[in-house]
Amino acid sequence: MKPTKSIEDYLEAIYVLSLKENHAHVKNIAAFLGIRLPSVTEAVSKLVLLDYARHSPYGSVELTEKGRKIGKSTWEKHQLLYKFFREVLGVSEGVAIKDACLIEHSISHETKSKIEEYMERSLNKK
């Protein structure tokens, strides 16, 4: 079963925070997503139940292999879309960020692959 947009957002946030800071705490996740702490605490509990993450009280949140795979994939789609919108289409930064966040959850593998191919071709021409 495909995870919801919300779950993907949390997994992506934990993945990114883990890359940047080597850990992700509930407080950091809340700040990253602009969401209140109780909402994040509830979501992390759900991620643990779904075997996407591990968390001990007051400790860091760690992704399981299953959660890391989804978080990484979502982040990579976000980065690709953002770069495509900014560099190819010339979309403003704010709009590119917002649109990448919206589209990353619904883009097909085929479309993602075609954008990657296009980006590789256009970068090689420069």
Protein backbone atom coordinates (compact mmCIF):
# COMPACT_ATOMS: atom_id res chain seq x y z
CA MET A 1 0.00 0.00 0.00
CA LYS A 2 1.35 3.43 -0.99
CA PRO A 3 1.97 5.73 1.98
CA THR A 4 -0.07 8.91 2.27
CA LYS A 5 1.28 12.34 1.34
CA SER A 6 1.53 13.16 5.03
CA ILE A 7 3.57 10.06 5.81
CA GLU A 8 5.86 10.78 2.86
CA ASP A 9 6.34 14.35 4.14
CA TYR A 10 7.38 13.07 7.57
CA LEU A 11 9.70 10.44 6.14
CA GLU A 12 11.27 12.99 3.83
CA ALA A 13 11.77 15.44 6.72
CA ILE A 14 13.40 12.78 8.90
CA TYR A 15 15.59 11.70 5.98
CA VAL A 16 16.75 15.26 5.24
CA LEU A 17 17.36 16.10 8.91
CA SER A 18 19.34 12.90 9.33
CA LEU A 19 21.51 13.86 6.35
CA LYS A 20 22.08 17.42 7.53
CA GLU A 21 22.32 16.96 11.30
CA ASN A 22 22.94 13.20 11.69
CA HIS A 23 19.75 12.96 13.76
CA ALA A 24 16.09 13.90 13.77
CA HIS A 25 14.29 14.77 16.99
CA VAL A 26 10.56 15.48 17.26
CA LYS A 27 11.33 19.16 17.90
CA ASN A 28 13.50 19.40 14.75
CA ILE A 29 10.88 17.62 12.65
CA ALA A 30 8.22 20.05 13.88
CA ALA A 31 10.38 23.05 13.01
CA PHE A 32 11.32 21.62 9.61
CA LEU A 33 7.69 21.01 8.65
CA GLY A 34 6.21 24.02 10.47
CA ILE A 35 3.93 21.76 12.48
CA ARG A 36 3.14 21.69 16.21
CA LEU A 37 4.97 19.23 18.47
CA PRO A 38 1.89 17.19 19.48
CA SER A 39 1.07 16.55 15.82
CA VAL A 40 4.61 15.35 15.16
CA THR A 41 4.59 13.14 18.25
CA GLU A 42 1.37 11.51 17.06
CA ALA A 43 2.73 11.07 13.53
CA VAL A 44 6.00 9.54 14.76
CA SER A 45 3.99 7.02 16.81
CA LYS A 46 2.15 6.09 13.63
CA LEU A 47 5.41 5.78 11.69
CA VAL A 48 6.70 3.39 14.36
CA LEU A 49 3.51 1.30 14.18
CA LEU A 50 3.84 1.10 10.39
CA ASP A 51 7.50 0.04 10.72
CA TYR A 52 8.78 3.16 8.95
CA ALA A 53 10.72 4.43 11.98
CA ARG A 54 12.11 3.68 15.43
CA HIS A 55 11.84 6.13 18.33
CA SER A 56 12.51 6.06 22.02
CA PRO A 57 11.06 8.73 24.32
CA TYR A 58 13.15 11.91 24.18
CA GLY A 59 15.50 10.22 21.71
CA SER A 60 16.05 10.67 18.03
CA VAL A 61 13.77 9.29 15.34
CA GLU A 62 15.50 6.81 13.07
CA LEU A 63 14.11 5.49 9.82
CA THR A 64 13.89 1.78 9.18
CA GLU A 65 15.14 0.58 5.81
CA LYS A 66 11.55 0.74 4.53
CA GLY A 67 11.11 4.31 5.82
CA ARG A 68 14.52 5.43 4.57
CA LYS A 69 13.74 4.17 1.08
CA ILE A 70 10.52 6.20 0.90
CA GLY A 71 12.07 9.29 2.52
CA LYS A 72 15.03 9.22 0.15
CA SER A 73 12.84 8.67 -2.92
CA THR A 74 10.53 11.54 -1.95
CA TRP A 75 13.52 13.86 -1.35
CA GLU A 76 15.09 12.92 -4.69
CA LYS A 77 11.84 13.63 -6.53
CA HIS A 78 11.58 16.96 -4.72
CA GLN A 79 15.14 17.93 -5.68
CA LEU A 80 14.65 16.89 -9.31
CA LEU A 81 11.38 18.79 -9.66
CA TYR A 82 12.77 21.88 -7.94
CA LYS A 83 15.82 21.91 -10.22
CA PHE A 84 13.65 21.36 -13.32
CA PHE A 85 11.30 24.19 -12.36
CA ARG A 86 14.13 26.61 -11.56
CA GLU A 87 16.71 25.79 -14.22
CA VAL A 88 14.61 24.70 -17.17
CA LEU A 89 11.35 26.56 -16.71
CA GLY A 90 12.67 29.62 -14.86
CA VAL A 91 10.03 29.41 -12.14
CA SER A 92 10.61 31.64 -9.10
CA GLU A 93 12.21 29.98 -6.08
CA GLY A 94 9.16 30.15 -3.81
CA VAL A 95 6.84 28.70 -6.43
CA ALA A 96 9.39 26.02 -7.39
CA ILE A 97 9.67 24.89 -3.76
CA LYS A 98 5.89 24.83 -3.27
CA ASP A 99 5.15 23.04 -6.53
CA ALA A 100 7.92 20.48 -6.01
CA CYS A 101 6.43 19.67 -2.58
CA LEU A 102 3.00 19.16 -4.11
CA ILE A 103 4.01 17.17 -7.17
CA GLU A 104 6.64 14.92 -5.54
CA HIS A 105 3.84 12.77 -4.09
CA SER A 106 2.02 12.08 -7.32
CA ILE A 107 4.60 12.02 -10.08
CA SER A 108 4.87 8.69 -11.86
CA HIS A 109 8.13 6.80 -12.17
CA GLU A 110 7.90 7.20 -15.95
CA THR A 111 7.57 10.98 -15.79
CA LYS A 112 10.36 11.23 -13.21
CA SER A 113 12.62 9.18 -15.50
CA LYS A 114 11.80 11.36 -18.51
CA ILE A 115 12.57 14.54 -16.57
CA GLU A 116 15.89 13.02 -15.45
CA GLU A 117 16.73 12.11 -19.05
CA TYR A 118 15.82 15.60 -20.25
CA MET A 119 17.90 17.23 -17.51
CA GLU A 120 20.91 15.05 -18.36
CA ARG A 121 20.63 15.91 -22.07
CA SER A 122 20.22 19.62 -21.43
CA LEU A 123 23.13 19.73 -18.97
CA ASN A 124 25.39 17.92 -21.42
CA LYS A 125 24.65 20.54 -24.09
CA LYS A 126 25.91 23.38 -21.91
